[in-house]
Amino acid sequence: EKLAIAFGLISSPHGTPLRIIKNLRVCVDCHNAIKFISKIVQREIFVRDANRYHCFKSGACSCGDYW
């Protein structure tokens, strides 16, 4: 999903939210990376994985780091 986020950041206008859908669970490394990315780029990133719907905004996730 890091690659999908990178592509989304360079190919979409600034300020628009990113929506990523995947069929596997989000790993701890990617979860932490997406939190940092959302804080740095000041964008909302929505990730739908096999079990949950994550909304990353300003360095925090809607799942409360429990997945």
Foldseek 3Di string as FASTA:
>chain_A
DVVQVVVVVVPDDQAEEAEEEEAADDDPVRVQVVLVVQQVSQHWYWYHYNPDIWIHGNSQIPVRPDD
